[in-house]
Amino acid sequence: MSKRRLSRENCLQSLYLSDVTRLETADILAIFQMQEFALEEKVFEFYKTLFTSTTDNREKIDAVLTATSKNWGLERMSAIDRCLLRMAVCEMMFLEDAPVPVIIDEAIELAKKYSTENSGKFVNGVLDSIAKQRNLKSP
């Protein structure tokens, strides 16, 4: 597994914790800093940047998701899909350090691994629409 994928997986888990438990960002960071993956500095730093950027920009990200997935309100999405979309949109719009197709592909793979049978297609459709509507390009 790539180091970025490991960071993204842990970020997804952190966002899920945040979404379903309402733990504070600092508390979740403290929990995940004690995990084995955090021993590798670059892996933890990317995780931390992605997680905090996603939580800090959640309102803006949710507005983009709501505008794009008109037939699927955020409350209708599974918690995993919602968190995964938030993370990918954050990475595409605010971090801009990976090619958009790579971000979308990673999100699809995580959806297939952690969510439902149809989640990969759903995530792909939403993220592809956002990338096209916002003319997001690779760095």
N, C-alpha and C. Protein backbone atom coordinates (compact mmCIF):
# COMPACT_ATOMS: atom_id res chain seq x y z
N MET A 1 0.85 -1.18 0.00
CA MET A 1 0.00 0.00 0.00
C MET A 1 0.90 1.24 0.00
N SER A 2 0.50 2.21 -0.82
CA SER A 2 1.29 3.44 -0.88
C SER A 2 1.15 4.24 0.41
N LYS A 3 2.12 5.10 0.64
CA LYS A 3 2.09 5.92 1.85
C LYS A 3 0.93 6.90 1.84
N ARG A 4 0.64 7.44 0.67
CA ARG A 4 -0.49 8.37 0.56
C ARG A 4 -1.81 7.64 0.82
N ARG A 5 -1.94 6.42 0.30
CA ARG A 5 -3.16 5.66 0.53
C ARG A 5 -3.33 5.39 2.03
N LEU A 6 -2.24 5.06 2.70
CA LEU A 6 -2.29 4.83 4.15
C LEU A 6 -2.76 6.10 4.87
N SER A 7 -2.25 7.24 4.45
CA SER A 7 -2.69 8.51 5.04
C SER A 7 -4.17 8.75 4.77
N ARG A 8 -4.58 8.50 3.53
CA ARG A 8 -5.99 8.71 3.17
C ARG A 8 -6.92 7.76 3.94
N GLU A 9 -6.51 6.52 4.09
CA GLU A 9 -7.34 5.57 4.85
C GLU A 9 -7.52 6.02 6.29
N ASN A 10 -6.44 6.46 6.90
CA ASN A 10 -6.54 6.94 8.29
C ASN A 10 -7.34 8.23 8.37
N CYS A 11 -7.21 9.08 7.36
CA CYS A 11 -8.01 10.30 7.33
C CYS A 11 -9.49 9.96 7.21
N LEU A 12 -9.82 9.01 6.35
CA LEU A 12 -11.22 8.58 6.21
C LEU A 12 -11.76 8.08 7.54
N GLN A 13 -10.98 7.28 8.23
CA GLN A 13 -11.41 6.78 9.53
C GLN A 13 -11.59 7.92 10.53
N SER A 14 -10.71 8.89 10.50
CA SER A 14 -10.81 10.04 11.40
C SER A 14 -12.04 10.88 11.09
N LEU A 15 -12.28 11.10 9.80
CA LEU A 15 -13.46 11.87 9.41
C LEU A 15 -14.74 11.14 9.80
N TYR A 16 -14.73 9.84 9.68
CA TYR A 16 -15.89 9.04 10.10
C TYR A 16 -16.12 9.20 11.60
N LEU A 17 -15.05 9.11 12.38
CA LEU A 17 -15.16 9.32 13.83
C LEU A 17 -15.74 10.69 14.13
N SER A 18 -15.25 11.68 13.45
CA SER A 18 -15.73 13.05 13.63
C SER A 18 -17.21 13.16 13.28
N ASP A 19 -17.60 12.49 12.21
CA ASP A 19 -18.97 12.57 11.72
C ASP A 19 -19.97 11.87 12.63
N VAL A 20 -19.61 10.70 13.13
CA VAL A 20 -20.58 9.91 13.89
C VAL A 20 -20.48 10.10 15.40
N THR A 21 -19.35 10.63 15.89
CA THR A 21 -19.21 10.78 17.34
C THR A 21 -19.17 12.22 17.80
N ARG A 22 -18.84 13.12 16.89
CA ARG A 22 -18.68 14.54 17.20
C ARG A 22 -17.51 14.82 18.13
N LEU A 23 -16.50 13.93 18.10
CA LEU A 23 -15.27 14.22 18.82
C LEU A 23 -14.61 15.44 18.19
N GLU A 24 -13.86 16.16 18.97
CA GLU A 24 -13.14 17.33 18.48
C GLU A 24 -11.96 16.88 17.62
N THR A 25 -11.58 17.72 16.67
CA THR A 25 -10.46 17.44 15.77
C THR A 25 -9.19 17.13 16.56
N ALA A 26 -8.89 17.91 17.56
CA ALA A 26 -7.67 17.71 18.36
C ALA A 26 -7.67 16.35 19.06
N ASP A 27 -8.84 15.93 19.54
CA ASP A 27 -8.93 14.63 20.21
C ASP A 27 -8.70 13.48 19.23
N ILE A 28 -9.24 13.61 18.03
CA ILE A 28 -9.05 12.58 17.01
C ILE A 28 -7.59 12.53 16.58
N LEU A 29 -6.99 13.68 16.39
CA LEU A 29 -5.56 13.72 16.04
C LEU A 29 -4.72 13.04 17.11
N ALA A 30 -5.05 13.26 18.35
CA ALA A 30 -4.30 12.65 19.45
C ALA A 30 -4.45 11.13 19.42
N ILE A 31 -5.64 10.65 19.12
CA ILE A 31 -5.87 9.20 19.03
C ILE A 31 -5.04 8.60 17.89
N PHE A 32 -5.09 9.24 16.74
CA PHE A 32 -4.41 8.69 15.57
C PHE A 32 -2.89 8.89 15.62
N GLN A 33 -2.43 9.85 16.39
CA GLN A 33 -0.99 10.04 16.53
C GLN A 33 -0.37 8.87 17.27
N MET A 34 -1.17 8.12 18.00
CA MET A 34 -0.66 6.97 18.75
C MET A 34 -0.67 5.69 17.90
N GLN A 35 -1.16 5.76 16.68
CA GLN A 35 -1.22 4.59 15.80
C GLN A 35 0.14 4.35 15.15
N GLU A 36 0.35 3.13 14.69
CA GLU A 36 1.65 2.76 14.11
C GLU A 36 2.00 3.58 12.87
N PHE A 37 1.03 3.90 12.04
CA PHE A 37 1.31 4.65 10.82
C PHE A 37 1.93 6.02 11.12
N ALA A 38 1.65 6.56 12.29
CA ALA A 38 2.13 7.90 12.66
C ALA A 38 3.63 7.93 12.91
N LEU A 39 4.24 6.76 13.03
CA LEU A 39 5.68 6.72 13.26
C LEU A 39 6.46 7.21 12.04
N GLU A 40 5.87 7.09 10.88
CA GLU A 40 6.51 7.60 9.67
C GLU A 40 6.05 9.03 9.46
N GLU A 41 6.97 9.97 9.64
CA GLU A 41 6.63 11.39 9.70
C GLU A 41 5.87 11.90 8.47
N LYS A 42 6.33 11.57 7.27
CA LYS A 42 5.66 12.07 6.06
C LYS A 42 4.24 11.54 5.93
N VAL A 43 4.03 10.30 6.32
CA VAL A 43 2.70 9.70 6.26
C VAL A 43 1.77 10.43 7.23
N PHE A 44 2.25 10.66 8.45
CA PHE A 44 1.42 11.34 9.44
C PHE A 44 1.17 12.79 9.06
N GLU A 45 2.17 13.46 8.53
CA GLU A 45 2.00 14.88 8.16
C GLU A 45 0.96 15.04 7.05
N PHE A 46 1.00 14.16 6.04
CA PHE A 46 -0.01 14.26 4.98
C PHE A 46 -1.39 13.96 5.55
N TYR A 47 -1.49 12.92 6.38
CA TYR A 47 -2.76 12.60 7.05
C TYR A 47 -3.29 13.82 7.82
N LYS A 48 -2.42 14.40 8.63
CA LYS A 48 -2.81 15.53 9.48
C LYS A 48 -3.25 16.73 8.63
N THR A 49 -2.52 17.02 7.57
CA THR A 49 -2.87 18.13 6.68
C THR A 49 -4.22 17.87 6.02
N LEU A 50 -4.42 16.67 5.51
CA LEU A 50 -5.67 16.33 4.84
C LEU A 50 -6.85 16.35 5.81
N PHE A 51 -6.66 15.79 6.99
CA PHE A 51 -7.74 15.75 7.98
C PHE A 51 -8.11 17.15 8.47
N THR A 52 -7.13 17.94 8.84
CA THR A 52 -7.45 19.27 9.36
C THR A 52 -8.00 20.18 8.25
N SER A 53 -7.48 20.06 7.05
CA SER A 53 -8.01 20.87 5.94
C SER A 53 -9.46 20.50 5.65
N THR A 54 -9.76 19.22 5.71
CA THR A 54 -11.14 18.78 5.46
C THR A 54 -12.07 19.29 6.55
N THR A 55 -11.66 19.18 7.80
CA THR A 55 -12.53 19.65 8.88
C THR A 55 -12.64 21.17 8.89
N ASP A 56 -11.54 21.86 8.61
CA ASP A 56 -11.56 23.33 8.60
C ASP A 56 -12.42 23.90 7.46
N ASN A 57 -12.49 23.18 6.35
CA ASN A 57 -13.22 23.67 5.17
C ASN A 57 -14.53 22.93 4.95
N ARG A 58 -15.03 22.29 5.97
CA ARG A 58 -16.21 21.43 5.83
C ARG A 58 -17.43 22.17 5.27
N GLU A 59 -17.69 23.37 5.71
CA GLU A 59 -18.86 24.10 5.21
C GLU A 59 -18.75 24.37 3.71
N LYS A 60 -17.59 24.80 3.26
CA LYS A 60 -17.38 25.06 1.83
C LYS A 60 -17.49 23.76 1.03
N ILE A 61 -16.89 22.70 1.55
CA ILE A 61 -16.93 21.40 0.88
C ILE A 61 -18.36 20.89 0.80
N ASP A 62 -19.09 20.98 1.90
CA ASP A 62 -20.48 20.53 1.91
C ASP A 62 -21.35 21.32 0.93
N ALA A 63 -21.07 22.61 0.79
CA ALA A 63 -21.81 23.43 -0.18
C ALA A 63 -21.56 22.92 -1.61
N VAL A 64 -20.33 22.58 -1.91
CA VAL A 64 -19.99 22.05 -3.23
C VAL A 64 -20.68 20.71 -3.44
N LEU A 65 -20.63 19.84 -2.44
CA LEU A 65 -21.26 18.53 -2.56
C LEU A 65 -22.77 18.65 -2.71
N THR A 66 -23.38 19.53 -1.96
CA THR A 66 -24.82 19.73 -2.03
C THR A 66 -25.23 20.25 -3.40
N ALA A 67 -24.47 21.18 -3.93
CA ALA A 67 -24.78 21.73 -5.25
C ALA A 67 -24.61 20.71 -6.36
N THR A 68 -23.67 19.79 -6.17
CA THR A 68 -23.36 18.82 -7.22
C THR A 68 -24.27 17.60 -7.17
N SER A 69 -24.53 17.11 -5.99
CA SER A 69 -25.34 15.89 -5.86
C SER A 69 -26.76 16.25 -5.42
N LYS A 70 -27.47 16.93 -6.32
CA LYS A 70 -28.80 17.46 -6.01
C LYS A 70 -29.79 16.39 -5.58
N ASN A 71 -29.71 15.21 -6.17
CA ASN A 71 -30.65 14.15 -5.82
C ASN A 71 -30.23 13.35 -4.59
N TRP A 72 -29.03 13.64 -4.11
CA TRP A 72 -28.51 12.94 -2.93
C TRP A 72 -28.03 13.96 -1.92
N GLY A 73 -28.90 14.37 -1.02
CA GLY A 73 -28.49 15.27 0.04
C GLY A 73 -27.46 14.59 0.93
N LEU A 74 -26.67 15.36 1.60
CA LEU A 74 -25.63 14.80 2.47
C LEU A 74 -26.20 13.83 3.50
N GLU A 75 -27.38 14.15 4.00
CA GLU A 75 -27.99 13.29 5.02
C GLU A 75 -28.42 11.94 4.45
N ARG A 76 -28.64 11.85 3.13
CA ARG A 76 -29.02 10.59 2.49
C ARG A 76 -27.84 9.69 2.20
N MET A 77 -26.66 10.27 2.12
CA MET A 77 -25.45 9.49 1.82
C MET A 77 -25.04 8.67 3.04
N SER A 78 -24.41 7.54 2.76
CA SER A 78 -23.84 6.79 3.88
C SER A 78 -22.74 7.65 4.50
N ALA A 79 -22.48 7.44 5.76
CA ALA A 79 -21.45 8.23 6.45
C ALA A 79 -20.08 8.05 5.79
N ILE A 80 -19.77 6.84 5.37
CA ILE A 80 -18.48 6.60 4.72
C ILE A 80 -18.39 7.37 3.41
N ASP A 81 -19.42 7.28 2.58
CA ASP A 81 -19.40 8.00 1.29
C ASP A 81 -19.30 9.51 1.51
N ARG A 82 -20.04 10.02 2.47
CA ARG A 82 -20.02 11.45 2.77
C ARG A 82 -18.61 11.89 3.19
N CYS A 83 -17.99 11.13 4.07
CA CYS A 83 -16.64 11.46 4.54
C CYS A 83 -15.61 11.33 3.43
N LEU A 84 -15.76 10.30 2.63
CA LEU A 84 -14.84 10.09 1.52
C LEU A 84 -14.93 11.20 0.49
N LEU A 85 -16.15 11.62 0.18
CA LEU A 85 -16.33 12.74 -0.76
C LEU A 85 -15.75 14.03 -0.19
N ARG A 86 -15.99 14.27 1.08
CA ARG A 86 -15.43 15.48 1.70
C ARG A 86 -13.91 15.49 1.60
N MET A 87 -13.30 14.36 1.90
CA MET A 87 -11.85 14.26 1.86
C MET A 87 -11.31 14.50 0.45
N ALA A 88 -11.92 13.86 -0.55
CA ALA A 88 -11.45 14.00 -1.93
C ALA A 88 -11.66 15.41 -2.45
N VAL A 89 -12.80 16.01 -2.14
CA VAL A 89 -13.05 17.39 -2.58
C VAL A 89 -12.03 18.32 -1.94
N CYS A 90 -11.74 18.12 -0.69
CA CYS A 90 -10.73 18.93 -0.01
C CYS A 90 -9.39 18.81 -0.71
N GLU A 91 -9.00 17.59 -1.01
CA GLU A 91 -7.70 17.39 -1.65
C GLU A 91 -7.67 18.02 -3.03
N MET A 92 -8.77 17.94 -3.77
CA MET A 92 -8.81 18.53 -5.12
C MET A 92 -8.82 20.05 -5.08
N MET A 93 -9.56 20.64 -4.14
CA MET A 93 -9.77 22.08 -4.13
C MET A 93 -8.79 22.86 -3.27
N PHE A 94 -8.36 22.30 -2.18
CA PHE A 94 -7.56 23.07 -1.23
C PHE A 94 -6.10 22.65 -1.14
N LEU A 95 -5.80 21.38 -1.35
CA LEU A 95 -4.41 20.95 -1.25
C LEU A 95 -3.70 21.01 -2.59
N GLU A 96 -4.38 20.58 -3.62
CA GLU A 96 -3.89 20.69 -5.00
C GLU A 96 -2.45 20.21 -5.18
N ASP A 97 -2.07 19.14 -4.50
CA ASP A 97 -0.70 18.65 -4.67
C ASP A 97 -0.63 17.28 -5.35
N ALA A 98 -1.78 16.77 -5.75
CA ALA A 98 -1.83 15.50 -6.48
C ALA A 98 -2.72 15.69 -7.70
N PRO A 99 -2.46 14.94 -8.76
CA PRO A 99 -3.32 15.05 -9.95
C PRO A 99 -4.76 14.66 -9.63
N VAL A 100 -5.70 15.42 -10.15
CA VAL A 100 -7.12 15.17 -9.89
C VAL A 100 -7.52 13.73 -10.23
N PRO A 101 -7.09 13.18 -11.38
CA PRO A 101 -7.46 11.79 -11.66
C PRO A 101 -6.95 10.79 -10.61
N VAL A 102 -5.80 11.06 -10.03
CA VAL A 102 -5.27 10.19 -8.98
C VAL A 102 -6.13 10.30 -7.73
N ILE A 103 -6.53 11.50 -7.37
CA ILE A 103 -7.38 11.72 -6.19
C ILE A 103 -8.71 10.99 -6.37
N ILE A 104 -9.30 11.11 -7.55
CA ILE A 104 -10.57 10.45 -7.83
C ILE A 104 -10.40 8.93 -7.78
N ASP A 105 -9.33 8.41 -8.39
CA ASP A 105 -9.09 6.98 -8.38
C ASP A 105 -8.90 6.45 -6.96
N GLU A 106 -8.16 7.18 -6.16
CA GLU A 106 -7.96 6.77 -4.76
C GLU A 106 -9.29 6.74 -4.01
N ALA A 107 -10.12 7.73 -4.25
CA ALA A 107 -11.43 7.78 -3.58
C ALA A 107 -12.29 6.60 -4.01
N ILE A 108 -12.26 6.27 -5.29
CA ILE A 108 -13.03 5.12 -5.79
C ILE A 108 -12.55 3.83 -5.12
N GLU A 109 -11.25 3.64 -5.05
CA GLU A 109 -10.70 2.43 -4.43
C GLU A 109 -11.08 2.34 -2.94
N LEU A 110 -11.03 3.46 -2.24
CA LEU A 110 -11.43 3.45 -0.83
C LEU A 110 -12.93 3.18 -0.68
N ALA A 111 -13.72 3.71 -1.61
CA ALA A 111 -15.17 3.44 -1.57
C ALA A 111 -15.44 1.96 -1.77
N LYS A 112 -14.74 1.35 -2.70
CA LYS A 112 -14.91 -0.08 -2.94
C LYS A 112 -14.51 -0.90 -1.72
N LYS A 113 -13.48 -0.46 -1.03
CA LYS A 113 -12.97 -1.20 0.13
C LYS A 113 -13.85 -1.01 1.37
N TYR A 114 -14.32 0.22 1.61
CA TYR A 114 -14.97 0.52 2.88
C TYR A 114 -16.48 0.72 2.80
N SER A 115 -17.03 0.83 1.61
CA SER A 115 -18.46 1.14 1.53
C SER A 115 -19.21 0.07 0.75
N THR A 116 -20.29 0.46 0.12
CA THR A 116 -21.17 -0.50 -0.55
C THR A 116 -20.68 -0.85 -1.95
N GLU A 117 -21.33 -1.81 -2.52
CA GLU A 117 -21.01 -2.29 -3.86
C GLU A 117 -21.12 -1.19 -4.92
N ASN A 118 -22.06 -0.27 -4.74
CA ASN A 118 -22.28 0.80 -5.71
C ASN A 118 -21.57 2.11 -5.38
N SER A 119 -20.88 2.15 -4.28
CA SER A 119 -20.25 3.40 -3.84
C SER A 119 -19.15 3.88 -4.77
N GLY A 120 -18.40 2.98 -5.36
CA GLY A 120 -17.33 3.39 -6.27
C GLY A 120 -17.87 4.20 -7.43
N LYS A 121 -18.97 3.73 -8.01
CA LYS A 121 -19.59 4.45 -9.14
C LYS A 121 -20.16 5.79 -8.68
N PHE A 122 -20.80 5.79 -7.52
CA PHE A 122 -21.38 7.02 -6.99
C PHE A 122 -20.29 8.07 -6.73
N VAL A 123 -19.24 7.67 -6.05
CA VAL A 123 -18.13 8.57 -5.73
C VAL A 123 -17.49 9.09 -7.02
N ASN A 124 -17.28 8.20 -7.98
CA ASN A 124 -16.70 8.59 -9.26
C ASN A 124 -17.56 9.66 -9.94
N GLY A 125 -18.87 9.43 -9.98
CA GLY A 125 -19.77 10.37 -10.64
C GLY A 125 -19.76 11.75 -10.00
N VAL A 126 -19.83 11.77 -8.68
CA VAL A 126 -19.86 13.05 -7.96
C VAL A 126 -18.54 13.80 -8.14
N LEU A 127 -17.43 13.11 -7.94
CA LEU A 127 -16.12 13.77 -8.03
C LEU A 127 -15.80 14.21 -9.45
N ASP A 128 -16.16 13.39 -10.43
CA ASP A 128 -15.92 13.77 -11.82
C ASP A 128 -16.73 15.02 -12.17
N SER A 129 -17.97 15.09 -11.71
CA SER A 129 -18.80 16.28 -11.95
C SER A 129 -18.19 17.52 -11.31
N ILE A 130 -17.73 17.39 -10.10
CA ILE A 130 -17.11 18.53 -9.41
C ILE A 130 -15.86 18.99 -10.15
N ALA A 131 -15.02 18.04 -10.56
CA ALA A 131 -13.79 18.39 -11.27
C ALA A 131 -14.10 19.13 -12.57
N LYS A 132 -15.12 18.67 -13.29
CA LYS A 132 -15.49 19.31 -14.56
C LYS A 132 -16.13 20.68 -14.33
N GLN A 133 -17.09 20.75 -13.39
CA GLN A 133 -17.79 22.01 -13.12
C GLN A 133 -16.83 23.10 -12.66
N ARG A 134 -15.84 22.73 -11.87
CA ARG A 134 -14.93 23.70 -11.29
C ARG A 134 -13.62 23.82 -12.08
N ASN A 135 -13.58 23.10 -13.19
CA ASN A 135 -12.41 23.13 -14.07
C ASN A 135 -11.11 22.85 -13.27
N LEU A 136 -11.19 21.83 -12.42
CA LEU A 136 -10.04 21.47 -11.60
C LEU A 136 -9.04 20.70 -12.45
N LYS A 137 -7.82 21.12 -12.41
CA LYS A 137 -6.77 20.50 -13.21
C LYS A 137 -5.70 19.96 -12.28
N SER A 138 -4.90 19.10 -12.83
CA SER A 138 -3.79 18.53 -12.07
C SER A 138 -2.71 19.60 -11.86
N PRO A 139 -1.98 19.49 -10.75
CA PRO A 139 -0.92 20.47 -10.49
C PRO A 139 0.21 20.35 -11.49
